[in-house]
Amino acid sequence: MNARVLVAEDDPKQAHLIRTYLERDGHDVLVVTDGRRAVDETRSRHPDLLVLDIMMPKLDGMDVCRVLRSDSQVPILVLTARDDEDTLLQGLQLGADDYMTKPFSPRELAARVRALLRRSRPESGPPTVFQVGRLTVDTGRVRVSVDGEPVSVTAREFAVLAALAAEPGRVFSRLDIVHRAFGFDSHVSPRTVDAHIANLRRKIEPDPAHPVQLLTVYGHGYTLAVD
């Protein structure tokens, strides 16, 4: 699974460590040291994935996420020295696909990169298209549409939606969603699932405050309503 990976990290030691482990996996790695270059290189080189430190000069990681999500769906793995949930959820709400807190295991980072790349690429074999009411989820092309109009979603948002669309009407607990969409990843908290659901509602519901398709079943989890 060789890929073009852009690493935005201004700490030379951290950048070298990340680059070393990703290159061992066969990836082509480019390192930039400020947020503005991260935006520019993403737009010009179209990497397969962006590893993004939050604390960056010129443009911080949160602003990089906000700017890029206006025109790019590149998978973004955020790195942060802050481990409070509000900061992590803010990154997810701005369009990050995953996060890791510093200090981190470089081997785990490489594994997270592999997982994000798998989920962002079309599946091999015959495509599966789920049609649930107004919503279409095409796992072969990794596309989502509502009433035929394309909807831009992140790799993690797509994984959540595909898991729900595979069994419409079934109530999935947050843990079910973690296992189906993210794999057995102990670092994904229930509030992370909630953040992805909130993002999806903003994209697929006519009125996100009063969802009619992506529903909460209080005390149990979430379901994708058939009607």
C-alpha atoms as a PDB file:
ATOM      1  CA  MET A   1       0.000   0.000   0.000  1.00  0.00           C
ATOM      2  CA  ASN A   2       2.583   2.555  -1.101  1.00  0.00           C
ATOM      3  CA  ALA A   3       1.285   6.109  -0.847  1.00  0.00           C
ATOM      4  CA  ARG A   4       2.287   9.744  -0.991  1.00  0.00           C
ATOM      5  CA  VAL A   5       2.250  11.038   2.589  1.00  0.00           C
ATOM      6  CA  LEU A   6       2.687  14.676   3.547  1.00  0.00           C
ATOM      7  CA  VAL A   7       3.985  15.234   7.093  1.00  0.00           C
ATOM      8  CA  ALA A   8       3.464  18.695   8.593  1.00  0.00           C
ATOM      9  CA  GLU A   9       5.673  18.798  11.691  1.00  0.00           C
ATOM     10  CA  ASP A  10       7.988  21.618  12.788  1.00  0.00           C
ATOM     11  CA  ASP A  11       9.952  19.553  15.339  1.00  0.00           C
ATOM     12  CA  PRO A  12      12.918  18.118  13.373  1.00  0.00           C
ATOM     13  CA  LYS A  13      13.313  15.045  15.614  1.00  0.00           C
ATOM     14  CA  GLN A  14       9.611  14.181  15.447  1.00  0.00           C
ATOM     15  CA  ALA A  15       9.547  14.762  11.696  1.00  0.00           C
ATOM     16  CA  HIS A  16      12.583  12.506  11.179  1.00  0.00           C
ATOM     17  CA  LEU A  17      11.068   9.753  13.330  1.00  0.00           C
ATOM     18  CA  ILE A  18       7.735   9.853  11.489  1.00  0.00           C
ATOM     19  CA  ARG A  19       9.437   9.938   8.105  1.00  0.00           C
ATOM     20  CA  THR A  20      11.669   6.973   8.975  1.00  0.00           C
ATOM     21  CA  TYR A  21       8.789   4.728  10.013  1.00  0.00           C
ATOM     22  CA  LEU A  22       6.559   5.693   7.089  1.00  0.00           C
ATOM     23  CA  GLU A  23       9.351   5.171   4.574  1.00  0.00           C
ATOM     24  CA  ARG A  24       9.923   1.712   6.069  1.00  0.00           C
ATOM     25  CA  ASP A  25       6.347   0.981   5.006  1.00  0.00           C
ATOM     26  CA  GLY A  26       7.252   1.986   1.467  1.00  0.00           C
ATOM     27  CA  HIS A  27       5.575   5.393   1.451  1.00  0.00           C
ATOM     28  CA  ASP A  28       6.884   8.447  -0.393  1.00  0.00           C
ATOM     29  CA  VAL A  29       7.152  11.057   2.375  1.00  0.00           C
ATOM     30  CA  LEU A  30       7.421  14.842   2.106  1.00  0.00           C
ATOM     31  CA  VAL A  31       7.964  16.926   5.252  1.00  0.00           C
ATOM     32  CA  VAL A  32       6.910  20.563   5.660  1.00  0.00           C
ATOM     33  CA  THR A  33       7.431  22.697   8.735  1.00  0.00           C
ATOM     34  CA  ASP A  34       4.591  25.210   8.739  1.00  0.00           C
ATOM     35  CA  GLY A  35       0.851  25.250   8.192  1.00  0.00           C
ATOM     36  CA  ARG A  36       0.829  27.412   5.084  1.00  0.00           C
ATOM     37  CA  ARG A  37       3.140  25.022   3.258  1.00  0.00           C
ATOM     38  CA  ALA A  38       0.967  22.133   4.405  1.00  0.00           C
ATOM     39  CA  VAL A  39      -1.994  23.735   2.633  1.00  0.00           C
ATOM     40  CA  ASP A  40       0.000  24.653  -0.464  1.00  0.00           C
ATOM     41  CA  GLU A  41       1.641  21.228  -0.838  1.00  0.00           C
ATOM     42  CA  THR A  42      -1.654  19.404  -0.279  1.00  0.00           C
ATOM     43  CA  ARG A  43      -3.301  21.424  -3.024  1.00  0.00           C
ATOM     44  CA  SER A  44      -0.414  21.117  -5.479  1.00  0.00           C
ATOM     45  CA  ARG A  45       0.819  17.549  -4.846  1.00  0.00           C
ATOM     46  CA  HIS A  46      -2.470  15.861  -3.839  1.00  0.00           C
ATOM     47  CA  PRO A  47      -0.990  13.475  -1.260  1.00  0.00           C
ATOM     48  CA  ASP A  48      -2.847  10.317  -0.289  1.00  0.00           C
ATOM     49  CA  LEU A  49      -2.694  11.276   3.398  1.00  0.00           C
ATOM     50  CA  LEU A  50      -1.654  14.172   5.616  1.00  0.00           C
ATOM     51  CA  VAL A  51      -0.031  13.742   9.044  1.00  0.00           C
ATOM     52  CA  LEU A  52      -0.625  17.107  10.710  1.00  0.00           C
ATOM     53  CA  ASP A  53       0.750  18.510  13.954  1.00  0.00           C
ATOM     54  CA  ILE A  54      -1.670  20.904  15.636  1.00  0.00           C
ATOM     55  CA  MET A  55       0.966  23.349  16.934  1.00  0.00           C
ATOM     56  CA  MET A  56       2.392  24.711  13.693  1.00  0.00           C
ATOM     57  CA  PRO A  57       3.851  28.147  12.812  1.00  0.00           C
ATOM     58  CA  LYS A  58       2.150  30.526  10.348  1.00  0.00           C
ATOM     59  CA  LEU A  59      -1.088  28.496  10.329  1.00  0.00           C
ATOM     60  CA  ASP A  60      -1.988  26.069  13.103  1.00  0.00           C
ATOM     61  CA  GLY A  61      -3.306  22.588  12.459  1.00  0.00           C
ATOM     62  CA  MET A  62      -6.919  23.469  13.223  1.00  0.00           C
ATOM     63  CA  ASP A  63      -6.864  26.210  10.608  1.00  0.00           C
ATOM     64  CA  VAL A  64      -5.160  23.877   8.132  1.00  0.00           C
ATOM     65  CA  CYS A  65      -8.031  21.390   8.585  1.00  0.00           C
ATOM     66  CA  ARG A  66     -10.609  24.134   8.143  1.00  0.00           C
ATOM     67  CA  VAL A  67      -8.978  25.494   4.971  1.00  0.00           C
ATOM     68  CA  LEU A  68      -8.353  22.114   3.351  1.00  0.00           C
ATOM     69  CA  ARG A  69     -11.832  20.777   3.991  1.00  0.00           C
ATOM     70  CA  SER A  70     -13.227  23.514   1.740  1.00  0.00           C
ATOM     71  CA  ASP A  71     -11.749  21.756  -1.301  1.00  0.00           C
ATOM     72  CA  SER A  72     -10.029  18.506  -0.307  1.00  0.00           C
ATOM     73  CA  GLN A  73     -10.989  15.182   1.247  1.00  0.00           C
ATOM     74  CA  VAL A  74      -7.422  14.019   1.874  1.00  0.00           C
ATOM     75  CA  PRO A  75      -7.352  11.780   4.979  1.00  0.00           C
ATOM     76  CA  ILE A  76      -5.880  13.743   7.902  1.00  0.00           C
ATOM     77  CA  LEU A  77      -4.205  12.230  10.960  1.00  0.00           C
ATOM     78  CA  VAL A  78      -3.788  14.925  13.609  1.00  0.00           C
ATOM     79  CA  LEU A  79      -0.969  14.928  16.163  1.00  0.00           C
ATOM     80  CA  THR A  80      -1.416  16.933  19.340  1.00  0.00           C
ATOM     81  CA  ALA A  81       0.350  17.397  22.665  1.00  0.00           C
ATOM     82  CA  ARG A  82      -3.022  18.205  24.249  1.00  0.00           C
ATOM     83  CA  ASP A  83      -5.124  15.258  25.327  1.00  0.00           C
ATOM     84  CA  ASP A  84      -8.278  17.058  26.484  1.00  0.00           C
ATOM     85  CA  GLU A  85     -11.365  15.821  24.681  1.00  0.00           C
ATOM     86  CA  ASP A  86     -12.543  19.286  23.639  1.00  0.00           C
ATOM     87  CA  THR A  87      -9.378  19.851  21.579  1.00  0.00           C
ATOM     88  CA  LEU A  88      -9.573  16.397  20.018  1.00  0.00           C
ATOM     89  CA  LEU A  89     -13.252  16.739  19.183  1.00  0.00           C
ATOM     90  CA  GLN A  90     -12.661  20.166  17.675  1.00  0.00           C
ATOM     91  CA  GLY A  91     -10.156  18.599  15.284  1.00  0.00           C
ATOM     92  CA  LEU A  92     -12.652  15.914  14.272  1.00  0.00           C
ATOM     93  CA  GLN A  93     -15.395  18.479  13.788  1.00  0.00           C
ATOM     94  CA  LEU A  94     -13.103  20.442  11.467  1.00  0.00           C
ATOM     95  CA  GLY A  95     -12.605  17.362   9.319  1.00  0.00           C
ATOM     96  CA  ALA A  96      -9.703  15.369  10.761  1.00  0.00           C
ATOM     97  CA  ASP A  97     -10.119  11.612  10.351  1.00  0.00           C
ATOM     98  CA  ASP A  98      -8.080  10.444  13.320  1.00  0.00           C
ATOM     99  CA  TYR A  99      -5.818  11.780  16.047  1.00  0.00           C
ATOM    100  CA  MET A 100      -2.891  10.724  18.200  1.00  0.00           C
ATOM    101  CA  THR A 101      -1.607  12.413  21.340  1.00  0.00           C
ATOM    102  CA  LYS A 102       2.075  13.023  21.979  1.00  0.00           C
ATOM    103  CA  PRO A 103       4.167  11.181  22.976  1.00  0.00           C
ATOM    104  CA  PHE A 104       3.107   8.397  20.637  1.00  0.00           C
ATOM    105  CA  SER A 105       4.450   5.087  19.390  1.00  0.00           C
ATOM    106  CA  PRO A 106       5.823   5.526  15.848  1.00  0.00           C
ATOM    107  CA  ARG A 107       4.805   1.940  15.083  1.00  0.00           C
ATOM    108  CA  GLU A 108       1.243   2.734  16.112  1.00  0.00           C
ATOM    109  CA  LEU A 109       1.323   5.857  13.942  1.00  0.00           C
ATOM    110  CA  ALA A 110       2.406   3.762  10.963  1.00  0.00           C
ATOM    111  CA  ALA A 111      -0.443   1.347  11.678  1.00  0.00           C
ATOM    112  CA  ARG A 112      -2.956   4.214  11.878  1.00  0.00           C
ATOM    113  CA  VAL A 113      -1.696   5.506   8.529  1.00  0.00           C
ATOM    114  CA  ARG A 114      -2.159   2.072   6.972  1.00  0.00           C
ATOM    115  CA  ALA A 115      -5.704   1.842   8.367  1.00  0.00           C
ATOM    116  CA  LEU A 116      -6.676   5.283   7.076  1.00  0.00           C
ATOM    117  CA  LEU A 117      -5.270   4.533   3.635  1.00  0.00           C
ATOM    118  CA  ARG A 118      -7.218   1.273   3.446  1.00  0.00           C
ATOM    119  CA  ARG A 119     -10.461   3.018   4.329  1.00  0.00           C
ATOM    120  CA  SER A 120      -9.898   5.898   1.919  1.00  0.00           C
ATOM    121  CA  ARG A 121      -9.305   3.717  -1.135  1.00  0.00           C
ATOM    122  CA  PRO A 122     -11.897   1.861  -3.186  1.00  0.00           C
ATOM    123  CA  GLU A 123     -12.361  -1.767  -2.213  1.00  0.00           C
ATOM    124  CA  SER A 124     -11.157  -4.455  -4.582  1.00  0.00           C
ATOM    125  CA  GLY A 125     -13.707  -6.806  -6.062  1.00  0.00           C
ATOM    126  CA  PRO A 126     -17.311  -6.114  -7.005  1.00  0.00           C
ATOM    127  CA  PRO A 127     -18.561  -2.793  -5.605  1.00  0.00           C
ATOM    128  CA  THR A 128     -21.384  -2.677  -3.088  1.00  0.00           C
ATOM    129  CA  VAL A 129     -23.928   0.110  -3.349  1.00  0.00           C
ATOM    130  CA  PHE A 130     -26.264   0.678  -0.429  1.00  0.00           C
ATOM    131  CA  GLN A 131     -29.448   2.617  -1.165  1.00  0.00           C
ATOM    132  CA  VAL A 132     -31.225   3.755   1.994  1.00  0.00           C
ATOM    133  CA  GLY A 133     -34.015   6.197   1.295  1.00  0.00           C
ATOM    134  CA  ARG A 134     -32.525   9.352  -0.218  1.00  0.00           C
ATOM    135  CA  LEU A 135     -29.020   8.205   0.663  1.00  0.00           C
ATOM    136  CA  THR A 136     -26.628   6.225  -1.563  1.00  0.00           C
ATOM    137  CA  VAL A 137     -23.357   4.799  -0.221  1.00  0.00           C
ATOM    138  CA  ASP A 138     -21.053   3.320  -2.872  1.00  0.00           C
ATOM    139  CA  THR A 139     -18.261   1.353  -1.196  1.00  0.00           C
ATOM    140  CA  GLY A 140     -16.546   0.567  -4.489  1.00  0.00           C
ATOM    141  CA  ARG A 141     -16.080   4.195  -5.443  1.00  0.00           C
ATOM    142  CA  VAL A 142     -16.054   5.516  -1.863  1.00  0.00           C
ATOM    143  CA  ARG A 143     -18.855   7.948  -2.693  1.00  0.00           C
ATOM    144  CA  VAL A 144     -21.897   9.271  -0.877  1.00  0.00           C
ATOM    145  CA  SER A 145     -24.839  11.046  -2.444  1.00  0.00           C
ATOM    146  CA  VAL A 146     -28.216  12.349  -1.321  1.00  0.00           C
ATOM    147  CA  ASP A 147     -30.947  12.467  -3.972  1.00  0.00           C
ATOM    148  CA  GLY A 148     -28.195  11.900  -6.530  1.00  0.00           C
ATOM    149  CA  GLU A 149     -26.156  14.905  -5.388  1.00  0.00           C
ATOM    150  CA  PRO A 150     -22.606  14.052  -4.239  1.00  0.00           C
ATOM    151  CA  VAL A 151     -21.695  14.669  -0.601  1.00  0.00           C
ATOM    152  CA  SER A 152     -18.100  15.143   0.506  1.00  0.00           C
ATOM    153  CA  VAL A 153     -17.187  13.055   3.547  1.00  0.00           C
ATOM    154  CA  THR A 154     -13.924  12.162   5.240  1.00  0.00           C
ATOM    155  CA  ALA A 155     -12.546   8.618   5.265  1.00  0.00           C
ATOM    156  CA  ARG A 156     -13.739   8.033   8.826  1.00  0.00           C
ATOM    157  CA  GLU A 157     -17.154   9.544   8.160  1.00  0.00           C
ATOM    158  CA  PHE A 158     -17.510   7.258   5.152  1.00  0.00           C
ATOM    159  CA  ALA A 159     -16.584   4.229   7.245  1.00  0.00           C
ATOM    160  CA  VAL A 160     -19.235   5.109   9.849  1.00  0.00           C
ATOM    161  CA  LEU A 161     -21.906   5.676   7.226  1.00  0.00           C
ATOM    162  CA  ALA A 162     -21.054   2.502   5.308  1.00  0.00           C
ATOM    163  CA  ALA A 163     -21.307   0.438   8.496  1.00  0.00           C
ATOM    164  CA  LEU A 164     -24.769   1.829   9.241  1.00  0.00           C
ATOM    165  CA  ALA A 165     -25.946   1.588   5.614  1.00  0.00           C
ATOM    166  CA  ALA A 166     -24.979  -2.093   5.421  1.00  0.00           C
ATOM    167  CA  GLU A 167     -27.732  -2.879   7.928  1.00  0.00           C
ATOM    168  CA  PRO A 168     -30.349  -0.111   7.780  1.00  0.00           C
ATOM    169  CA  GLY A 169     -32.761  -0.166  10.677  1.00  0.00           C
ATOM    170  CA  ARG A 170     -30.324  -1.925  12.971  1.00  0.00           C
ATOM    171  CA  VAL A 171     -29.344  -0.042  16.113  1.00  0.00           C
ATOM    172  CA  PHE A 172     -25.562   0.122  16.487  1.00  0.00           C
ATOM    173  CA  SER A 173     -23.991   0.891  19.835  1.00  0.00           C
ATOM    174  CA  ARG A 174     -21.017   3.233  19.829  1.00  0.00           C
ATOM    175  CA  LEU A 175     -18.766   0.236  20.436  1.00  0.00           C
ATOM    176  CA  ASP A 176     -20.317  -1.554  17.451  1.00  0.00           C
ATOM    177  CA  ILE A 177     -19.511   1.461  15.294  1.00  0.00           C
ATOM    178  CA  VAL A 178     -15.932   1.636  16.588  1.00  0.00           C
ATOM    179  CA  HIS A 179     -15.374  -2.009  15.680  1.00  0.00           C
ATOM    180  CA  ARG A 180     -17.095  -1.817  12.287  1.00  0.00           C
ATOM    181  CA  ALA A 181     -15.731   1.534  11.140  1.00  0.00           C
ATOM    182  CA  PHE A 182     -12.387   1.917  12.893  1.00  0.00           C
ATOM    183  CA  GLY A 183     -11.315  -1.610  13.795  1.00  0.00           C
ATOM    184  CA  PHE A 184     -10.483  -2.690  17.309  1.00  0.00           C
ATOM    185  CA  ASP A 185      -8.926   0.635  18.265  1.00  0.00           C
ATOM    186  CA  SER A 186      -8.965   1.300  21.988  1.00  0.00           C
ATOM    187  CA  HIS A 187      -8.035   4.940  21.411  1.00  0.00           C
ATOM    188  CA  VAL A 188     -11.385   5.769  19.789  1.00  0.00           C
ATOM    189  CA  SER A 189     -13.756   7.052  22.446  1.00  0.00           C
ATOM    190  CA  PRO A 190     -17.557   7.121  22.316  1.00  0.00           C
ATOM    191  CA  ARG A 191     -17.432  10.908  21.991  1.00  0.00           C
ATOM    192  CA  THR A 192     -15.357  10.493  18.831  1.00  0.00           C
ATOM    193  CA  VAL A 193     -18.228   8.494  17.316  1.00  0.00           C
ATOM    194  CA  ASP A 194     -20.637  11.241  18.378  1.00  0.00           C
ATOM    195  CA  ALA A 195     -18.484  13.844  16.606  1.00  0.00           C
ATOM    196  CA  HIS A 196     -18.513  11.878  13.342  1.00  0.00           C
ATOM    197  CA  ILE A 197     -22.288  11.396  13.580  1.00  0.00           C
ATOM    198  CA  ALA A 198     -22.768  15.134  14.134  1.00  0.00           C
ATOM    199  CA  ASN A 199     -20.609  15.898  11.082  1.00  0.00           C
ATOM    200  CA  LEU A 200     -22.560  13.429   8.941  1.00  0.00           C
ATOM    201  CA  ARG A 201     -25.884  14.934   9.978  1.00  0.00           C
ATOM    202  CA  ARG A 202     -24.704  18.343   8.838  1.00  0.00           C
ATOM    203  CA  LYS A 203     -23.956  16.832   5.435  1.00  0.00           C
ATOM    204  CA  ILE A 204     -26.873  14.462   4.773  1.00  0.00           C
ATOM    205  CA  GLU A 205     -29.819  15.757   6.796  1.00  0.00           C
ATOM    206  CA  PRO A 206     -32.124  18.582   5.593  1.00  0.00           C
ATOM    207  CA  ASP A 207     -32.197  19.865   9.188  1.00  0.00           C
ATOM    208  CA  PRO A 208     -29.295  18.486  11.260  1.00  0.00           C
ATOM    209  CA  ALA A 209     -30.973  19.601  14.490  1.00  0.00           C
ATOM    210  CA  HIS A 210     -33.974  17.406  13.667  1.00  0.00           C
ATOM    211  CA  PRO A 211     -32.570  14.355  11.832  1.00  0.00           C
ATOM    212  CA  VAL A 212     -34.951  12.098   9.957  1.00  0.00           C
ATOM    213  CA  GLN A 213     -32.543   9.436   8.703  1.00  0.00           C
ATOM    214  CA  LEU A 214     -29.439   9.251  10.910  1.00  0.00           C
ATOM    215  CA  LEU A 215     -31.202   8.763  14.222  1.00  0.00           C
ATOM    216  CA  THR A 216     -30.212   8.485  17.870  1.00  0.00           C
ATOM    217  CA  VAL A 217     -31.801   5.671  19.821  1.00  0.00           C
ATOM    218  CA  TYR A 218     -31.311   6.996  23.333  1.00  0.00           C
ATOM    219  CA  GLY A 219     -29.514   4.628  25.638  1.00  0.00           C
ATOM    220  CA  HIS A 220     -28.541   2.319  22.777  1.00  0.00           C
ATOM    221  CA  GLY A 221     -26.761   4.109  19.925  1.00  0.00           C
ATOM    222  CA  TYR A 222     -27.479   5.093  16.342  1.00  0.00           C
ATOM    223  CA  THR A 223     -29.448   3.746  13.395  1.00  0.00           C
ATOM    224  CA  LEU A 224     -29.952   4.622   9.760  1.00  0.00           C
ATOM    225  CA  ALA A 225     -33.714   4.780   9.238  1.00  0.00           C
ATOM    226  CA  VAL A 226     -35.058   3.046   6.143  1.00  0.00           C
ATOM    227  CA  ASP A 227     -37.870   5.564   5.562  1.00  0.00           C
END
